[in-house]
Amino acid sequence: MIKLYSAHLTNCDNDNEAIEYLKGMVWCECEHVVTDQPKYSRFVESYEGVDCYYDYGSDLYYFVEVSE
């Protein structure tokens, strides 16, 4: 189970756009849900306790709170 933030990105041209969003977002103000890790995804970047993944099944970037 992961803490998946409600914020996600679609229609990005490359990982760099998602990384900029990851580093610019105020994550403590964003809601999240506890769910299973999406099946078709790859890790992109981690920044200050938040991981970014690309879900190639749905063609979107999503963000997860890093668990201790």
C-alpha atoms as a PDB file:
ATOM      1  CA  MET A   1       0.000   0.000   0.000  1.00  0.00           C
ATOM      2  CA  ILE A   2       1.186   3.505  -0.845  1.00  0.00           C
ATOM      3  CA  LYS A   3       0.083   7.067  -0.059  1.00  0.00           C
ATOM      4  CA  LEU A   4      -0.799   8.359  -3.524  1.00  0.00           C
ATOM      5  CA  TYR A   5      -1.233  12.119  -3.874  1.00  0.00           C
ATOM      6  CA  SER A   6      -4.296  13.388  -5.720  1.00  0.00           C
ATOM      7  CA  ALA A   7      -2.060  15.576  -7.923  1.00  0.00           C
ATOM      8  CA  HIS A   8      -0.921  13.974 -11.174  1.00  0.00           C
ATOM      9  CA  LEU A   9       0.272  15.078 -14.602  1.00  0.00           C
ATOM     10  CA  THR A  10      -0.848  14.064 -18.065  1.00  0.00           C
ATOM     11  CA  ASN A  11       0.371  15.105 -21.511  1.00  0.00           C
ATOM     12  CA  CYS A  12       3.990  15.670 -20.480  1.00  0.00           C
ATOM     13  CA  ASP A  13       6.571  15.536 -23.244  1.00  0.00           C
ATOM     14  CA  ASN A  14       9.284  14.098 -20.979  1.00  0.00           C
ATOM     15  CA  ASP A  15      10.325  13.331 -17.410  1.00  0.00           C
ATOM     16  CA  ASN A  16      11.825  16.801 -16.919  1.00  0.00           C
ATOM     17  CA  GLU A  17       8.393  18.438 -16.793  1.00  0.00           C
ATOM     18  CA  ALA A  18       7.275  16.027 -14.090  1.00  0.00           C
ATOM     19  CA  ILE A  19      10.495  16.590 -12.124  1.00  0.00           C
ATOM     20  CA  GLU A  20       9.966  20.371 -12.213  1.00  0.00           C
ATOM     21  CA  TYR A  21       6.413  19.865 -10.948  1.00  0.00           C
ATOM     22  CA  LEU A  22       7.669  17.513  -8.213  1.00  0.00           C
ATOM     23  CA  LYS A  23      10.157  20.101  -6.974  1.00  0.00           C
ATOM     24  CA  GLY A  24       7.735  23.047  -7.186  1.00  0.00           C
ATOM     25  CA  MET A  25       4.635  21.551  -5.551  1.00  0.00           C
ATOM     26  CA  VAL A  26       3.730  22.134  -1.877  1.00  0.00           C
ATOM     27  CA  TRP A  27       2.978  18.496  -1.055  1.00  0.00           C
ATOM     28  CA  CYS A  28       1.861  19.037   2.545  1.00  0.00           C
ATOM     29  CA  GLU A  29      -1.185  20.897   1.142  1.00  0.00           C
ATOM     30  CA  CYS A  30      -2.148  18.093  -1.236  1.00  0.00           C
ATOM     31  CA  GLU A  31      -4.599  15.315  -0.376  1.00  0.00           C
ATOM     32  CA  HIS A  32      -3.651  11.675  -0.704  1.00  0.00           C
ATOM     33  CA  VAL A  33      -5.257   8.239  -0.628  1.00  0.00           C
ATOM     34  CA  VAL A  34      -3.892   4.891   0.470  1.00  0.00           C
ATOM     35  CA  THR A  35      -3.950   2.447  -2.433  1.00  0.00           C
ATOM     36  CA  ASP A  36      -1.974  -0.224  -4.262  1.00  0.00           C
ATOM     37  CA  GLN A  37       1.002   0.722  -6.426  1.00  0.00           C
ATOM     38  CA  PRO A  38      -0.074   1.029 -10.078  1.00  0.00           C
ATOM     39  CA  LYS A  39       0.988  -2.080 -11.979  1.00  0.00           C
ATOM     40  CA  TYR A  40       2.622  -0.531 -15.058  1.00  0.00           C
ATOM     41  CA  SER A  41       4.951   2.135 -13.739  1.00  0.00           C
ATOM     42  CA  ARG A  42       8.580   3.142 -13.491  1.00  0.00           C
ATOM     43  CA  PHE A  43      10.402   5.290 -10.947  1.00  0.00           C
ATOM     44  CA  VAL A  44      11.444   8.752 -12.186  1.00  0.00           C
ATOM     45  CA  GLU A  45      12.771  10.904  -9.312  1.00  0.00           C
ATOM     46  CA  SER A  46      12.599  11.446  -5.555  1.00  0.00           C
ATOM     47  CA  TYR A  47      12.575  14.843  -3.856  1.00  0.00           C
ATOM     48  CA  GLU A  48      12.076  15.766  -0.189  1.00  0.00           C
ATOM     49  CA  GLY A  49      10.051  12.708   0.749  1.00  0.00           C
ATOM     50  CA  VAL A  50       7.990  12.408  -2.440  1.00  0.00           C
ATOM     51  CA  ASP A  51       8.612   9.942  -5.258  1.00  0.00           C
ATOM     52  CA  CYS A  52       7.542  10.529  -8.854  1.00  0.00           C
ATOM     53  CA  TYR A  53       6.555   7.600 -11.070  1.00  0.00           C
ATOM     54  CA  TYR A  54       5.468   7.356 -14.673  1.00  0.00           C
ATOM     55  CA  ASP A  55       2.495   5.050 -15.256  1.00  0.00           C
ATOM     56  CA  TYR A  56       2.907   3.884 -18.834  1.00  0.00           C
ATOM     57  CA  GLY A  57      -0.398   2.011 -18.646  1.00  0.00           C
ATOM     58  CA  SER A  58      -2.370   5.249 -18.305  1.00  0.00           C
ATOM     59  CA  ASP A  59       0.290   7.681 -19.627  1.00  0.00           C
ATOM     60  CA  LEU A  60       0.470   9.880 -16.519  1.00  0.00           C
ATOM     61  CA  TYR A  61       2.908  10.871 -13.817  1.00  0.00           C
ATOM     62  CA  TYR A  62       1.862  10.313 -10.232  1.00  0.00           C
ATOM     63  CA  PHE A  63       3.388  11.165  -6.879  1.00  0.00           C
ATOM     64  CA  VAL A  64       3.789   9.054  -3.753  1.00  0.00           C
ATOM     65  CA  GLU A  65       4.764   9.888  -0.184  1.00  0.00           C
ATOM     66  CA  VAL A  66       7.970   8.022   0.662  1.00  0.00           C
ATOM     67  CA  SER A  67       7.340   5.553   3.483  1.00  0.00           C
ATOM     68  CA  GLU A  68       9.821   5.182   6.311  1.00  0.00           C
END
